[in-house]
N, C-alpha and C. Protein backbone atom coordinates (compact mmCIF):
# COMPACT_ATOMS: atom_id res chain seq x y z
N MET A 1 101.19 86.49 95.42
CA MET A 1 101.65 87.30 96.40
C MET A 1 101.18 88.60 96.31
N LEU A 2 100.71 89.24 97.36
CA LEU A 2 100.21 90.71 97.43
C LEU A 2 101.46 91.55 97.63
N GLN A 3 101.52 92.71 96.81
CA GLN A 3 102.54 93.57 96.88
C GLN A 3 102.31 94.84 97.31
N SER A 4 101.04 95.50 96.88
CA SER A 4 100.67 96.85 97.16
C SER A 4 99.18 96.98 97.19
N ILE A 5 98.88 98.03 97.51
CA ILE A 5 97.33 98.56 97.43
C ILE A 5 97.17 99.97 97.05
N HIS A 6 96.12 100.18 96.18
CA HIS A 6 96.00 101.53 95.73
C HIS A 6 94.49 101.85 95.97
N PRO A 7 94.18 102.56 96.95
CA PRO A 7 92.76 102.95 97.21
C PRO A 7 92.20 103.66 96.09
N LYS A 8 90.87 103.40 95.77
CA LYS A 8 90.14 104.28 94.82
C LYS A 8 89.06 104.99 95.57
N LEU A 9 89.17 106.24 95.49
CA LEU A 9 88.33 107.27 96.15
C LEU A 9 87.43 108.13 95.17
N PRO A 10 86.31 108.55 95.56
CA PRO A 10 85.55 109.30 94.75
C PRO A 10 85.92 110.64 94.80
N MET A 11 85.73 111.38 93.54
CA MET A 11 86.04 112.88 93.56
C MET A 11 84.99 113.46 92.85
N ARG A 12 84.51 114.68 93.14
CA ARG A 12 83.55 115.46 92.74
C ARG A 12 83.98 116.44 91.46
N ASN A 13 85.28 116.93 91.59
CA ASN A 13 85.88 117.71 90.69
C ASN A 13 87.32 117.37 90.45
N LYS A 14 87.64 116.94 89.25
CA LYS A 14 89.02 116.42 89.11
C LYS A 14 90.10 117.46 89.20
N SER A 15 89.95 118.64 88.71
CA SER A 15 90.91 119.78 88.74
C SER A 15 91.18 120.09 90.20
N GLU A 16 90.12 120.24 90.84
CA GLU A 16 90.11 120.53 92.35
C GLU A 16 90.89 119.50 93.13
N THR A 17 90.66 118.18 92.88
CA THR A 17 91.33 117.13 93.50
C THR A 17 92.74 117.08 93.18
N LYS A 18 93.03 117.21 91.99
CA LYS A 18 94.52 117.10 91.52
C LYS A 18 95.12 118.28 92.19
N ASP A 19 94.64 119.52 92.19
CA ASP A 19 95.22 120.53 92.87
C ASP A 19 95.59 120.39 94.27
N PHE A 20 94.66 119.89 94.91
CA PHE A 20 94.94 119.58 96.52
C PHE A 20 96.05 118.63 96.57
N TYR A 21 95.94 117.50 95.85
CA TYR A 21 97.03 116.40 96.16
C TYR A 21 98.30 116.82 95.66
N VAL A 22 98.45 117.61 94.55
CA VAL A 22 99.70 117.99 94.00
C VAL A 22 100.28 119.28 94.69
N ASN A 23 99.44 120.18 94.84
CA ASN A 23 99.96 121.47 95.40
C ASN A 23 99.97 121.52 96.83
N GLN A 24 99.05 120.84 97.42
CA GLN A 24 98.93 120.85 98.98
C GLN A 24 99.70 119.88 99.66
N LEU A 25 99.64 118.63 99.09
CA LEU A 25 100.24 117.41 99.63
C LEU A 25 101.58 116.92 99.03
N GLY A 26 101.94 117.56 97.90
CA GLY A 26 103.30 117.04 97.18
C GLY A 26 103.13 115.79 96.41
N PHE A 27 101.97 115.44 96.03
CA PHE A 27 101.96 114.25 95.29
C PHE A 27 102.24 114.53 93.70
N GLU A 28 102.43 113.61 92.92
CA GLU A 28 102.62 113.90 91.51
C GLU A 28 101.49 113.19 90.70
N ALA A 29 101.23 113.73 89.63
CA ALA A 29 100.12 113.16 88.79
C ALA A 29 100.52 113.13 87.26
N PRO A 30 101.60 112.38 86.98
CA PRO A 30 102.31 112.35 85.61
C PRO A 30 101.36 111.70 84.49
N HIS A 31 100.58 110.76 84.82
CA HIS A 31 99.75 110.01 83.95
C HIS A 31 98.34 110.50 83.91
N ASP A 32 98.19 111.80 83.73
CA ASP A 32 96.78 112.26 83.80
C ASP A 32 96.16 112.31 82.38
N PHE A 33 95.64 111.19 81.96
CA PHE A 33 95.27 111.13 80.41
C PHE A 33 93.71 110.96 80.40
N TYR A 34 93.14 110.63 81.66
CA TYR A 34 91.54 110.20 81.55
C TYR A 34 90.71 111.33 82.01
N PRO A 35 89.76 111.72 81.44
CA PRO A 35 88.99 112.78 81.91
C PRO A 35 88.25 112.51 83.26
N ASP A 36 87.88 111.27 83.52
CA ASP A 36 87.11 110.85 84.60
C ASP A 36 87.85 110.13 85.70
N TYR A 37 89.16 109.98 85.58
CA TYR A 37 89.98 109.25 86.40
C TYR A 37 91.34 109.91 86.77
N LEU A 38 91.74 109.85 87.95
CA LEU A 38 93.11 110.44 88.22
C LEU A 38 93.82 109.57 89.25
N MET A 39 95.23 109.50 88.88
CA MET A 39 96.15 108.69 89.84
C MET A 39 97.16 109.76 90.34
N VAL A 40 97.29 109.61 91.59
CA VAL A 40 98.55 110.43 92.12
C VAL A 40 99.43 109.48 92.97
N HIS A 41 100.66 109.83 92.99
CA HIS A 41 101.68 108.99 93.68
C HIS A 41 102.66 110.02 94.36
N LYS A 42 103.17 109.51 95.61
CA LYS A 42 104.14 110.10 96.29
C LYS A 42 104.92 109.12 97.18
N ASP A 43 106.26 109.05 97.16
CA ASP A 43 107.03 108.15 97.83
C ASP A 43 106.52 106.79 97.27
N ASN A 44 106.16 105.89 98.30
CA ASN A 44 105.73 104.46 97.90
C ASN A 44 104.15 104.28 97.91
N ILE A 45 103.40 105.39 97.84
CA ILE A 45 101.90 105.05 97.80
C ILE A 45 101.40 105.71 96.55
N GLU A 46 100.27 105.27 96.20
CA GLU A 46 99.50 105.80 94.98
C GLU A 46 97.89 105.66 95.38
N ILE A 47 97.29 106.72 95.15
CA ILE A 47 95.88 106.77 95.25
C ILE A 47 95.25 107.06 94.00
N HIS A 48 94.03 106.42 93.71
CA HIS A 48 93.38 106.48 92.48
C HIS A 48 92.00 107.22 92.90
N PHE A 49 91.54 107.98 91.88
CA PHE A 49 90.21 108.70 92.06
C PHE A 49 89.27 108.57 90.87
N PHE A 50 88.07 108.28 91.05
CA PHE A 50 87.03 108.18 89.94
C PHE A 50 86.10 109.38 90.08
N LEU A 51 85.76 109.89 89.00
CA LEU A 51 84.68 111.04 89.04
C LEU A 51 83.25 110.60 89.58
N TYR A 52 82.82 111.27 90.42
CA TYR A 52 81.47 111.06 91.04
C TYR A 52 80.98 112.43 91.51
N GLU A 53 80.48 113.10 90.41
CA GLU A 53 80.23 114.57 90.60
C GLU A 53 79.01 114.87 91.76
N ASP A 54 78.20 113.84 91.72
CA ASP A 54 76.97 114.01 92.61
C ASP A 54 77.08 113.42 93.92
N ILE A 55 78.38 113.14 94.49
CA ILE A 55 78.49 112.60 95.75
C ILE A 55 78.17 113.78 96.78
N ASP A 56 77.52 113.40 97.73
CA ASP A 56 77.20 114.37 98.91
C ASP A 56 78.38 114.28 99.81
N PRO A 57 79.12 115.42 100.11
CA PRO A 57 80.30 115.42 100.95
C PRO A 57 79.89 114.96 102.33
N LYS A 58 78.63 115.29 102.77
CA LYS A 58 78.16 114.93 104.12
C LYS A 58 77.99 113.35 104.18
N THR A 59 77.82 112.62 103.12
CA THR A 59 77.62 111.11 103.18
C THR A 59 78.70 110.37 102.70
N ASN A 60 79.82 111.06 102.22
CA ASN A 60 80.91 110.34 101.63
C ASN A 60 81.70 109.64 102.72
N TYR A 61 81.93 108.32 102.56
CA TYR A 61 82.67 107.67 103.56
C TYR A 61 83.91 107.09 103.00
N GLY A 62 84.49 107.73 101.95
CA GLY A 62 85.73 107.45 101.34
C GLY A 62 86.89 107.75 102.37
N MET A 63 87.83 106.77 102.63
CA MET A 63 88.77 107.08 103.58
C MET A 63 89.91 106.01 103.20
N CYS A 64 91.16 106.36 103.65
CA CYS A 64 92.39 105.61 103.63
C CYS A 64 93.27 105.99 104.72
N TYR A 65 94.01 104.90 105.16
CA TYR A 65 95.08 105.13 106.20
C TYR A 65 96.56 105.05 105.61
N ILE A 66 97.21 106.10 105.81
CA ILE A 66 98.62 106.23 105.29
C ILE A 66 99.61 106.20 106.36
N ARG A 67 100.44 105.24 106.33
CA ARG A 67 101.56 105.19 107.33
C ARG A 67 102.62 106.04 106.82
N THR A 68 103.22 106.70 107.82
CA THR A 68 104.41 107.69 107.56
C THR A 68 105.45 107.43 108.56
N ASN A 69 106.66 107.95 108.37
CA ASN A 69 107.78 107.83 109.32
C ASN A 69 107.98 109.23 109.94
N ASP A 70 107.13 110.23 109.55
CA ASP A 70 107.21 111.54 110.10
C ASP A 70 105.88 112.40 110.21
N VAL A 71 105.12 111.79 111.09
CA VAL A 71 103.81 112.35 111.14
C VAL A 71 103.78 113.73 111.80
N ASP A 72 104.75 114.11 112.65
CA ASP A 72 104.84 115.44 113.18
C ASP A 72 104.99 116.42 112.10
N ALA A 73 105.91 116.14 111.18
CA ALA A 73 106.06 117.10 110.02
C ALA A 73 104.99 117.26 109.19
N LEU A 74 104.26 116.16 108.85
CA LEU A 74 103.07 116.23 108.01
C LEU A 74 102.04 116.95 108.67
N TYR A 75 101.83 116.89 110.01
CA TYR A 75 100.82 117.57 110.70
C TYR A 75 101.25 119.07 110.76
N ALA A 76 102.51 119.32 111.03
CA ALA A 76 102.94 120.80 110.97
C ALA A 76 102.53 121.44 109.70
N HIS A 77 102.81 120.59 108.54
CA HIS A 77 102.46 121.21 107.16
C HIS A 77 101.01 121.46 107.06
N ALA A 78 100.15 120.48 107.42
CA ALA A 78 98.79 120.61 107.44
C ALA A 78 98.31 122.02 108.18
N LEU A 79 98.84 122.05 109.36
CA LEU A 79 98.32 123.40 110.15
C LEU A 79 98.72 124.52 109.39
N LYS A 80 100.04 124.71 108.92
CA LYS A 80 100.65 125.71 108.33
C LYS A 80 99.83 126.11 107.12
N SER A 81 99.52 125.06 106.42
CA SER A 81 98.65 125.32 105.08
C SER A 81 97.17 125.41 105.28
N LYS A 82 96.76 125.36 106.48
CA LYS A 82 95.41 125.53 106.82
C LYS A 82 94.53 124.54 106.08
N LEU A 83 94.99 123.26 106.11
CA LEU A 83 94.16 122.03 105.43
C LEU A 83 93.07 121.65 106.41
N SER A 84 91.96 121.08 105.81
CA SER A 84 90.84 120.73 106.64
C SER A 84 91.11 119.73 107.59
N ILE A 85 91.22 119.82 108.81
CA ILE A 85 91.41 118.86 109.82
C ILE A 85 89.99 118.76 110.56
N PRO A 86 89.41 117.53 110.60
CA PRO A 86 88.08 117.51 111.23
C PRO A 86 88.26 117.65 112.87
N GLU A 87 87.51 118.03 113.58
CA GLU A 87 87.23 118.30 114.88
C GLU A 87 88.09 117.17 115.57
N LEU A 88 87.80 115.95 115.50
CA LEU A 88 88.38 114.97 116.09
C LEU A 88 89.67 114.34 115.35
N GLY A 89 90.14 115.17 114.44
CA GLY A 89 91.33 114.65 113.65
C GLY A 89 92.67 115.20 114.03
N HIS A 90 92.72 115.89 114.86
CA HIS A 90 94.14 116.55 115.39
C HIS A 90 95.07 115.49 115.77
N LEU A 91 96.31 115.76 115.77
CA LEU A 91 97.40 114.83 116.25
C LEU A 91 97.22 114.29 117.64
N MET A 92 97.24 112.88 117.71
CA MET A 92 97.01 112.30 119.05
C MET A 92 97.76 110.99 118.99
N GLU A 93 97.96 110.53 120.31
CA GLU A 93 98.64 109.25 120.32
C GLU A 93 97.35 108.28 120.69
N LYS A 94 97.23 107.26 119.88
CA LYS A 94 95.96 106.38 120.12
C LYS A 94 96.36 105.08 120.93
N PRO A 95 95.40 104.54 121.49
CA PRO A 95 95.55 103.25 122.21
C PRO A 95 96.12 102.16 121.40
N TRP A 96 96.02 102.19 120.08
CA TRP A 96 96.68 100.99 119.34
C TRP A 96 97.95 101.42 118.80
N ARG A 97 98.65 102.28 119.70
CA ARG A 97 100.09 102.56 119.52
C ARG A 97 100.44 103.24 118.14
N GLN A 98 99.58 104.05 117.71
CA GLN A 98 99.94 104.95 116.62
C GLN A 98 99.58 106.44 116.99
N LYS A 99 100.41 107.35 116.49
CA LYS A 99 100.36 108.73 116.54
C LYS A 99 99.83 109.22 115.18
N GLU A 100 98.56 109.86 115.25
CA GLU A 100 97.93 110.12 114.03
C GLU A 100 97.11 111.26 114.00
N PHE A 101 96.84 111.74 112.81
CA PHE A 101 95.85 112.87 112.53
C PHE A 101 95.23 112.60 111.21
N SER A 102 94.03 113.37 110.94
CA SER A 102 93.30 113.11 109.80
C SER A 102 93.17 114.49 109.00
N LEU A 103 92.94 114.41 107.70
CA LEU A 103 92.56 115.47 106.82
C LEU A 103 91.32 115.07 106.09
N LEU A 104 90.70 116.15 105.52
CA LEU A 104 89.58 115.90 104.60
C LEU A 104 90.08 116.59 103.30
N ASP A 105 89.93 115.70 102.21
CA ASP A 105 90.16 116.42 100.88
C ASP A 105 89.01 117.10 100.29
N PRO A 106 89.17 117.71 99.13
CA PRO A 106 87.91 118.57 98.73
C PRO A 106 86.69 117.72 98.38
N SER A 107 86.76 116.39 98.27
CA SER A 107 85.44 115.61 98.17
C SER A 107 85.11 115.03 99.61
N SER A 108 85.77 115.34 100.58
CA SER A 108 85.44 114.80 101.98
C SER A 108 85.82 113.50 102.14
N ASN A 109 87.02 112.99 101.35
CA ASN A 109 87.58 111.78 101.74
C ASN A 109 88.44 111.98 102.85
N LEU A 110 88.37 111.05 103.90
CA LEU A 110 89.27 111.19 105.09
C LEU A 110 90.52 110.53 104.86
N LEU A 111 91.64 111.16 105.11
CA LEU A 111 92.94 110.72 104.85
C LEU A 111 93.55 110.70 106.30
N THR A 112 93.84 109.67 106.85
CA THR A 112 94.46 109.41 108.13
C THR A 112 96.02 109.08 108.07
N PHE A 113 96.68 109.94 108.57
CA PHE A 113 98.23 109.67 108.42
C PHE A 113 98.71 109.14 109.90
N GLY A 114 99.32 107.99 109.97
CA GLY A 114 99.74 107.46 111.27
C GLY A 114 101.20 106.89 111.26
N GLN A 115 101.87 107.07 112.38
CA GLN A 115 103.23 106.61 112.67
C GLN A 115 103.06 105.73 113.84
N ALA A 116 103.88 104.52 113.87
CA ALA A 116 103.88 103.67 114.95
C ALA A 116 104.70 104.44 116.16
N LEU A 117 104.14 104.14 117.31
CA LEU A 117 104.92 104.74 118.63
C LEU A 117 105.98 103.64 118.94
């Protein structure tokens, strides 16, 4: 039986990625033992990152969709913290009955946060 999923996304710079997820989004990285790999977790989700220094942010298609029960608070935090929200990533109600917004991390991975309407 399937129990969970942990997306693996590329990162150009480990310390920059760790700083963003830990200090900007409130994740924890307690098992940071590997020079080319990072695992962060918060609440019930975990995201893994592998070092890919040569990735071109303009052609990085790494992305994940994160469900939440308080998208408004996350969006307010993103605005207050001046996080990178793509032009079409601002908070909206979507036809698929989700209220969602998106952020870009330092390696241009797209993180979309969504809550059911």
